[in-house]
Amino acid sequence: LAMNASGPADAMDQIVASGIPVVFVDSTSSPDA
């Protein structure tokens, strides 16, 4: 589980490519979020 602002992008791409489920979580800063 990773906040959408996680990085760097290359590392996150590698993690996605591993085949392990990766769920990106919205990082909006608001009460509704």
PDB file of all heavy atoms in Angstrom:
ATOM      1  N   LEU A   1       0.857  -1.175   0.000  1.00  0.00           N
ATOM      2  CA  LEU A   1       0.000   0.000   0.000  1.00  0.00           C
ATOM      3  C   LEU A   1       0.895   1.226   0.000  1.00  0.00           C
ATOM      4  O   LEU A   1       1.720   1.394   0.907  1.00  0.00           O
ATOM      5  CB  LEU A   1      -0.914   0.008   1.226  1.00  0.00           C
ATOM      6  CG  LEU A   1      -1.895  -1.165   1.337  1.00  0.00           C
ATOM      7  CD1 LEU A   1      -2.655  -1.104   2.653  1.00  0.00           C
ATOM      8  CD2 LEU A   1      -2.870  -1.153   0.165  1.00  0.00           C
ATOM      9  N   ALA A   2       0.752   2.086  -0.997  1.00  0.00           N
ATOM     10  CA  ALA A   2       1.658   3.225  -1.154  1.00  0.00           C
ATOM     11  C   ALA A   2       0.880   4.501  -1.410  1.00  0.00           C
ATOM     12  O   ALA A   2      -0.025   4.526  -2.260  1.00  0.00           O
ATOM     13  CB  ALA A   2       2.628   2.977  -2.311  1.00  0.00           C
ATOM     14  N   MET A   3       1.229   5.551  -0.682  1.00  0.00           N
ATOM     15  CA  MET A   3       0.649   6.858  -0.986  1.00  0.00           C
ATOM     16  C   MET A   3       1.036   7.240  -2.416  1.00  0.00           C
ATOM     17  O   MET A   3       2.123   6.904  -2.893  1.00  0.00           O
ATOM     18  CB  MET A   3       1.146   7.914  -0.002  1.00  0.00           C
ATOM     19  CG  MET A   3       0.705   7.675   1.430  1.00  0.00           C
ATOM     20  SD  MET A   3      -1.097   7.658   1.660  1.00  0.00           S
ATOM     21  CE  MET A   3      -1.481   9.411   1.504  1.00  0.00           C
ATOM     22  N   ASN A   4       0.151   7.946  -3.089  1.00  0.00           N
ATOM     23  CA  ASN A   4       0.367   8.264  -4.495  1.00  0.00           C
ATOM     24  C   ASN A   4       1.629   9.086  -4.724  1.00  0.00           C
ATOM     25  O   ASN A   4       2.198   9.080  -5.820  1.00  0.00           O
ATOM     26  CB  ASN A   4      -0.844   9.011  -5.052  1.00  0.00           C
ATOM     27  CG  ASN A   4      -0.887   9.010  -6.562  1.00  0.00           C
ATOM     28  OD1 ASN A   4      -0.508   8.038  -7.197  1.00  0.00           O
ATOM     29  ND2 ASN A   4      -1.340  10.116  -7.138  1.00  0.00           N
ATOM     30  N   ALA A   5       2.085   9.794  -3.679  1.00  0.00           N
ATOM     31  CA  ALA A   5       3.283  10.628  -3.801  1.00  0.00           C
ATOM     32  C   ALA A   5       4.565   9.837  -3.549  1.00  0.00           C
ATOM     33  O   ALA A   5       5.656  10.415  -3.556  1.00  0.00           O
ATOM     34  CB  ALA A   5       3.204  11.803  -2.829  1.00  0.00           C
ATOM     35  N   SER A   6       4.469   8.537  -3.344  1.00  0.00           N
ATOM     36  CA  SER A   6       5.666   7.723  -3.077  1.00  0.00           C
ATOM     37  C   SER A   6       6.580   7.710  -4.294  1.00  0.00           C
ATOM     38  O   SER A   6       6.142   7.825  -5.431  1.00  0.00           O
ATOM     39  CB  SER A   6       5.272   6.288  -2.719  1.00  0.00           C
ATOM     40  OG  SER A   6       4.410   6.251  -1.599  1.00  0.00           O
ATOM     41  N   GLY A   7       7.859   7.530  -4.040  1.00  0.00           N
ATOM     42  CA  GLY A   7       8.811   7.524  -5.147  1.00  0.00           C
ATOM     43  C   GLY A   7      10.167   6.992  -4.696  1.00  0.00           C
ATOM     44  O   GLY A   7      10.323   6.526  -3.566  1.00  0.00           O
ATOM     45  N   PRO A   8      11.161   7.053  -5.601  1.00  0.00           N
ATOM     46  CA  PRO A   8      11.090   7.635  -6.945  1.00  0.00           C
ATOM     47  C   PRO A   8      10.292   6.757  -7.909  1.00  0.00           C
ATOM     48  O   PRO A   8      10.031   5.585  -7.627  1.00  0.00           O
ATOM     49  CB  PRO A   8      12.559   7.724  -7.367  1.00  0.00           C
ATOM     50  CG  PRO A   8      13.223   6.625  -6.591  1.00  0.00           C
ATOM     51  CD  PRO A   8      12.512   6.544  -5.280  1.00  0.00           C
ATOM     52  N   ALA A   9       9.928   7.345  -9.049  1.00  0.00           N
ATOM     53  CA  ALA A   9       9.057   6.663 -10.000  1.00  0.00           C
ATOM     54  C   ALA A   9       9.659   5.351 -10.492  1.00  0.00           C
ATOM     55  O   ALA A   9       8.945   4.346 -10.629  1.00  0.00           O
ATOM     56  CB  ALA A   9       8.747   7.591 -11.176  1.00  0.00           C
ATOM     57  N   ASP A  10      10.979   5.325 -10.772  1.00  0.00           N
ATOM     58  CA  ASP A  10      11.619   4.105 -11.263  1.00  0.00           C
ATOM     59  C   ASP A  10      11.470   2.964 -10.265  1.00  0.00           C
ATOM     60  O   ASP A  10      11.196   1.820 -10.652  1.00  0.00           O
ATOM     61  CB  ASP A  10      13.102   4.353 -11.540  1.00  0.00           C
ATOM     62  CG  ASP A  10      13.337   5.082 -12.857  1.00  0.00           C
ATOM     63  OD1 ASP A  10      12.358   5.275 -13.605  1.00  0.00           O
ATOM     64  OD2 ASP A  10      14.501   5.446 -13.129  1.00  0.00           O
ATOM     65  N   ALA A  11      11.653   3.283  -8.988  1.00  0.00           N
ATOM     66  CA  ALA A  11      11.542   2.244  -7.962  1.00  0.00           C
ATOM     67  C   ALA A  11      10.110   1.733  -7.868  1.00  0.00           C
ATOM     68  O   ALA A  11       9.878   0.519  -7.753  1.00  0.00           O
ATOM     69  CB  ALA A  11      12.001   2.789  -6.612  1.00  0.00           C
ATOM     70  N   MET A  12       9.144   2.626  -7.939  1.00  0.00           N
ATOM     71  CA  MET A  12       7.750   2.196  -7.866  1.00  0.00           C
ATOM     72  C   MET A  12       7.378   1.368  -9.087  1.00  0.00           C
ATOM     73  O   MET A  12       6.621   0.390  -8.983  1.00  0.00           O
ATOM     74  CB  MET A  12       6.828   3.410  -7.726  1.00  0.00           C
ATOM     75  CG  MET A  12       7.085   4.264  -6.486  1.00  0.00           C
ATOM     76  SD  MET A  12       7.190   3.321  -4.928  1.00  0.00           S
ATOM     77  CE  MET A  12       5.548   2.592  -4.831  1.00  0.00           C
ATOM     78  N   ASP A  13       7.917   1.710 -10.254  1.00  0.00           N
ATOM     79  CA  ASP A  13       7.673   0.909 -11.459  1.00  0.00           C
ATOM     80  C   ASP A  13       8.223  -0.504 -11.297  1.00  0.00           C
ATOM     81  O   ASP A  13       7.606  -1.489 -11.717  1.00  0.00           O
ATOM     82  CB  ASP A  13       8.319   1.572 -12.677  1.00  0.00           C
ATOM     83  CG  ASP A  13       7.579   2.826 -13.144  1.00  0.00           C
ATOM     84  OD1 ASP A  13       6.418   3.007 -12.736  1.00  0.00           O
ATOM     85  OD2 ASP A  13       8.174   3.615 -13.897  1.00  0.00           O
ATOM     86  N   GLN A  14       9.395  -0.617 -10.684  1.00  0.00           N
ATOM     87  CA  GLN A  14       9.993  -1.931 -10.449  1.00  0.00           C
ATOM     88  C   GLN A  14       9.124  -2.755  -9.510  1.00  0.00           C
ATOM     89  O   GLN A  14       8.932  -3.956  -9.714  1.00  0.00           O
ATOM     90  CB  GLN A  14      11.384  -1.765  -9.851  1.00  0.00           C
ATOM     91  CG  GLN A  14      12.415  -1.198 -10.818  1.00  0.00           C
ATOM     92  CD  GLN A  14      13.724  -0.889 -10.115  1.00  0.00           C
ATOM     93  OE1 GLN A  14      13.932  -1.304  -8.987  1.00  0.00           O
ATOM     94  NE2 GLN A  14      14.597  -0.176 -10.793  1.00  0.00           N
ATOM     95  N   ILE A  15       8.592  -2.109  -8.495  1.00  0.00           N
ATOM     96  CA  ILE A  15       7.747  -2.810  -7.523  1.00  0.00           C
ATOM     97  C   ILE A  15       6.468  -3.291  -8.196  1.00  0.00           C
ATOM     98  O   ILE A  15       6.023  -4.429  -7.985  1.00  0.00           O
ATOM     99  CB  ILE A  15       7.451  -1.892  -6.325  1.00  0.00           C
ATOM    100  CG1 ILE A  15       8.741  -1.622  -5.539  1.00  0.00           C
ATOM    101  CG2 ILE A  15       6.409  -2.529  -5.409  1.00  0.00           C
ATOM    102  CD1 ILE A  15       8.609  -0.526  -4.495  1.00  0.00           C
ATOM    103  N   VAL A  16       5.866  -2.449  -9.024  1.00  0.00           N
ATOM    104  CA  VAL A  16       4.673  -2.859  -9.766  1.00  0.00           C
ATOM    105  C   VAL A  16       4.990  -4.049 -10.665  1.00  0.00           C
ATOM    106  O   VAL A  16       4.213  -5.005 -10.781  1.00  0.00           O
ATOM    107  CB  VAL A  16       4.120  -1.675 -10.595  1.00  0.00           C
ATOM    108  CG1 VAL A  16       3.048  -2.148 -11.569  1.00  0.00           C
ATOM    109  CG2 VAL A  16       3.565  -0.587  -9.683  1.00  0.00           C
ATOM    110  N   ALA A  17       6.165  -4.020 -11.309  1.00  0.00           N
ATOM    111  CA  ALA A  17       6.561  -5.090 -12.222  1.00  0.00           C
ATOM    112  C   ALA A  17       6.801  -6.414 -11.517  1.00  0.00           C
ATOM    113  O   ALA A  17       6.827  -7.469 -12.160  1.00  0.00           O
ATOM    114  CB  ALA A  17       7.828  -4.681 -12.982  1.00  0.00           C
ATOM    115  N   SER A  18       6.957  -6.404 -10.207  1.00  0.00           N
ATOM    116  CA  SER A  18       7.237  -7.637  -9.464  1.00  0.00           C
ATOM    117  C   SER A  18       6.064  -8.605  -9.489  1.00  0.00           C
ATOM    118  O   SER A  18       6.236  -9.797  -9.255  1.00  0.00           O
ATOM    119  CB  SER A  18       7.587  -7.312  -8.007  1.00  0.00           C
ATOM    120  OG  SER A  18       6.419  -6.913  -7.288  1.00  0.00           O
ATOM    121  N   GLY A  19       4.871  -8.107  -9.754  1.00  0.00           N
ATOM    122  CA  GLY A  19       3.693  -8.959  -9.732  1.00  0.00           C
ATOM    123  C   GLY A  19       2.984  -8.979  -8.400  1.00  0.00           C
ATOM    124  O   GLY A  19       1.858  -9.472  -8.290  1.00  0.00           O
ATOM    125  N   ILE A  20       3.613  -8.452  -7.348  1.00  0.00           N
ATOM    126  CA  ILE A  20       2.944  -8.317  -6.052  1.00  0.00           C
ATOM    127  C   ILE A  20       1.893  -7.218  -6.176  1.00  0.00           C
ATOM    128  O   ILE A  20       2.157  -6.163  -6.759  1.00  0.00           O
ATOM    129  CB  ILE A  20       3.959  -7.960  -4.953  1.00  0.00           C
ATOM    130  CG1 ILE A  20       4.982  -9.082  -4.807  1.00  0.00           C
ATOM    131  CG2 ILE A  20       3.253  -7.722  -3.610  1.00  0.00           C
ATOM    132  CD1 ILE A  20       6.134  -8.726  -3.901  1.00  0.00           C
ATOM    133  N   PRO A  21       0.691  -7.413  -5.639  1.00  0.00           N
ATOM    134  CA  PRO A  21      -0.333  -6.361  -5.720  1.00  0.00           C
ATOM    135  C   PRO A  21       0.155  -5.056  -5.077  1.00  0.00           C
ATOM    136  O   PRO A  21       0.595  -5.046  -3.922  1.00  0.00           O
ATOM    137  CB  PRO A  21      -1.506  -6.950  -4.945  1.00  0.00           C
ATOM    138  CG  PRO A  21      -1.310  -8.426  -5.025  1.00  0.00           C
ATOM    139  CD  PRO A  21       0.174  -8.633  -4.987  1.00  0.00           C
ATOM    140  N   VAL A  22       0.101  -3.978  -5.851  1.00  0.00           N
ATOM    141  CA  VAL A  22       0.467  -2.650  -5.375  1.00  0.00           C
ATOM    142  C   VAL A  22      -0.748  -1.754  -5.523  1.00  0.00           C
ATOM    143  O   VAL A  22      -1.281  -1.591  -6.629  1.00  0.00           O
ATOM    144  CB  VAL A  22       1.643  -2.054  -6.174  1.00  0.00           C
ATOM    145  CG1 VAL A  22       1.994  -0.663  -5.646  1.00  0.00           C
ATOM    146  CG2 VAL A  22       2.854  -2.970  -6.122  1.00  0.00           C
ATOM    147  N   VAL A  23      -1.206  -1.183  -4.430  1.00  0.00           N
ATOM    148  CA  VAL A  23      -2.367  -0.297  -4.443  1.00  0.00           C
ATOM    149  C   VAL A  23      -1.904   1.106  -4.076  1.00  0.00           C
ATOM    150  O   VAL A  23      -1.365   1.324  -2.985  1.00  0.00           O
ATOM    151  CB  VAL A  23      -3.447  -0.784  -3.451  1.00  0.00           C
ATOM    152  CG1 VAL A  23      -4.594   0.219  -3.368  1.00  0.00           C
ATOM    153  CG2 VAL A  23      -3.971  -2.154  -3.855  1.00  0.00           C
ATOM    154  N   PHE A  24      -2.085   2.060  -4.994  1.00  0.00           N
ATOM    155  CA  PHE A  24      -1.728   3.445  -4.730  1.00  0.00           C
ATOM    156  C   PHE A  24      -2.918   4.152  -4.084  1.00  0.00           C
ATOM    157  O   PHE A  24      -4.058   4.020  -4.532  1.00  0.00           O
ATOM    158  CB  PHE A  24      -1.319   4.161  -6.018  1.00  0.00           C
ATOM    159  CG  PHE A  24       0.016   3.707  -6.556  1.00  0.00           C
ATOM    160  CD1 PHE A  24       0.085   2.778  -7.590  1.00  0.00           C
ATOM    161  CD2 PHE A  24       1.194   4.189  -6.009  1.00  0.00           C
ATOM    162  CE1 PHE A  24       1.311   2.349  -8.073  1.00  0.00           C
ATOM    163  CE2 PHE A  24       2.425   3.766  -6.485  1.00  0.00           C
ATOM    164  CZ  PHE A  24       2.491   2.837  -7.524  1.00  0.00           C
ATOM    165  N   VAL A  25      -2.630   4.917  -3.023  1.00  0.00           N
ATOM    166  CA  VAL A  25      -3.659   5.548  -2.203  1.00  0.00           C
ATOM    167  C   VAL A  25      -3.624   7.054  -2.416  1.00  0.00           C
ATOM    168  O   VAL A  25      -2.558   7.675  -2.355  1.00  0.00           O
ATOM    169  CB  VAL A  25      -3.446   5.208  -0.708  1.00  0.00           C
ATOM    170  CG1 VAL A  25      -4.512   5.855   0.152  1.00  0.00           C
ATOM    171  CG2 VAL A  25      -3.438   3.692  -0.515  1.00  0.00           C
ATOM    172  N   ASP A  26      -4.783   7.641  -2.636  1.00  0.00           N
ATOM    173  CA  ASP A  26      -4.898   9.079  -2.877  1.00  0.00           C
ATOM    174  C   ASP A  26      -4.266   9.866  -1.732  1.00  0.00           C
ATOM    175  O   ASP A  26      -4.477   9.558  -0.559  1.00  0.00           O
ATOM    176  CB  ASP A  26      -6.375   9.456  -3.017  1.00  0.00           C
ATOM    177  CG  ASP A  26      -6.584  10.938  -3.197  1.00  0.00           C
ATOM    178  OD1 ASP A  26      -5.857  11.548  -4.001  1.00  0.00           O
ATOM    179  OD2 ASP A  26      -7.473  11.507  -2.517  1.00  0.00           O
ATOM    180  N   SER A  27      -3.498  10.910  -2.068  1.00  0.00           N
ATOM    181  CA  SER A  27      -2.809  11.699  -1.045  1.00  0.00           C
ATOM    182  C   SER A  27      -3.337  13.122  -0.946  1.00  0.00           C
ATOM    183  O   SER A  27      -2.665  14.010  -0.424  1.00  0.00           O
ATOM    184  CB  SER A  27      -1.301  11.725  -1.333  1.00  0.00           C
ATOM    185  OG  SER A  27      -1.042  12.202  -2.635  1.00  0.00           O
ATOM    186  N   THR A  28      -4.564  13.358  -1.428  1.00  0.00           N
ATOM    187  CA  THR A  28      -5.166  14.693  -1.350  1.00  0.00           C
ATOM    188  C   THR A  28      -5.270  15.149   0.099  1.00  0.00           C
ATOM    189  O   THR A  28      -5.605  14.369   0.991  1.00  0.00           O
ATOM    190  CB  THR A  28      -6.563  14.690  -1.995  1.00  0.00           C
ATOM    191  OG1 THR A  28      -6.444  14.266  -3.358  1.00  0.00           O
ATOM    192  CG2 THR A  28      -7.195  16.066  -1.945  1.00  0.00           C
ATOM    193  N   SER A  29      -4.994  16.440   0.326  1.00  0.00           N
ATOM    194  CA  SER A  29      -5.029  17.001   1.682  1.00  0.00           C
ATOM    195  C   SER A  29      -6.342  17.744   1.897  1.00  0.00           C
ATOM    196  O   SER A  29      -6.439  18.958   1.680  1.00  0.00           O
ATOM    197  CB  SER A  29      -3.843  17.958   1.886  1.00  0.00           C
ATOM    198  OG  SER A  29      -2.615  17.294   1.684  1.00  0.00           O
ATOM    199  N   SER A  30      -7.361  17.022   2.337  1.00  0.00           N
ATOM    200  CA  SER A  30      -8.660  17.641   2.622  1.00  0.00           C
ATOM    201  C   SER A  30      -9.436  16.740   3.570  1.00  0.00           C
ATOM    202  O   SER A  30      -9.188  15.526   3.626  1.00  0.00           O
ATOM    203  CB  SER A  30      -9.466  17.846   1.334  1.00  0.00           C
ATOM    204  OG  SER A  30      -9.944  16.612   0.843  1.00  0.00           O
ATOM    205  N   PRO A  31     -10.394  17.304   4.322  1.00  0.00           N
ATOM    206  CA  PRO A  31     -11.216  16.477   5.214  1.00  0.00           C
ATOM    207  C   PRO A  31     -11.955  15.377   4.462  1.00  0.00           C
ATOM    208  O   PRO A  31     -12.011  14.227   4.919  1.00  0.00           O
ATOM    209  CB  PRO A  31     -12.186  17.488   5.834  1.00  0.00           C
ATOM    210  CG  PRO A  31     -11.440  18.777   5.816  1.00  0.00           C
ATOM    211  CD  PRO A  31     -10.664  18.747   4.528  1.00  0.00           C
ATOM    212  N   ASP A  32     -12.537  15.712   3.311  1.00  0.00           N
ATOM    213  CA  ASP A  32     -13.263  14.713   2.542  1.00  0.00           C
ATOM    214  C   ASP A  32     -12.346  13.574   2.109  1.00  0.00           C
ATOM    215  O   ASP A  32     -12.730  12.397   2.141  1.00  0.00           O
ATOM    216  CB  ASP A  32     -13.904  15.371   1.316  1.00  0.00           C
ATOM    217  CG  ASP A  32     -14.793  14.414   0.540  1.00  0.00           C
ATOM    218  OD1 ASP A  32     -15.713  13.832   1.147  1.00  0.00           O
ATOM    219  OD2 ASP A  32     -14.568  14.244  -0.675  1.00  0.00           O
ATOM    220  N   ALA A  33     -11.115  13.917   1.725  1.00  0.00           N
ATOM    221  CA  ALA A  33     -10.158  12.896   1.296  1.00  0.00           C
ATOM    222  C   ALA A  33      -9.781  11.962   2.440  1.00  0.00           C
ATOM    223  O   ALA A  33      -9.573  10.761   2.224  1.00  0.00           O
ATOM    224  CB  ALA A  33      -8.915  13.550   0.719  1.00  0.00           C
TER     225      ALA A  33
END
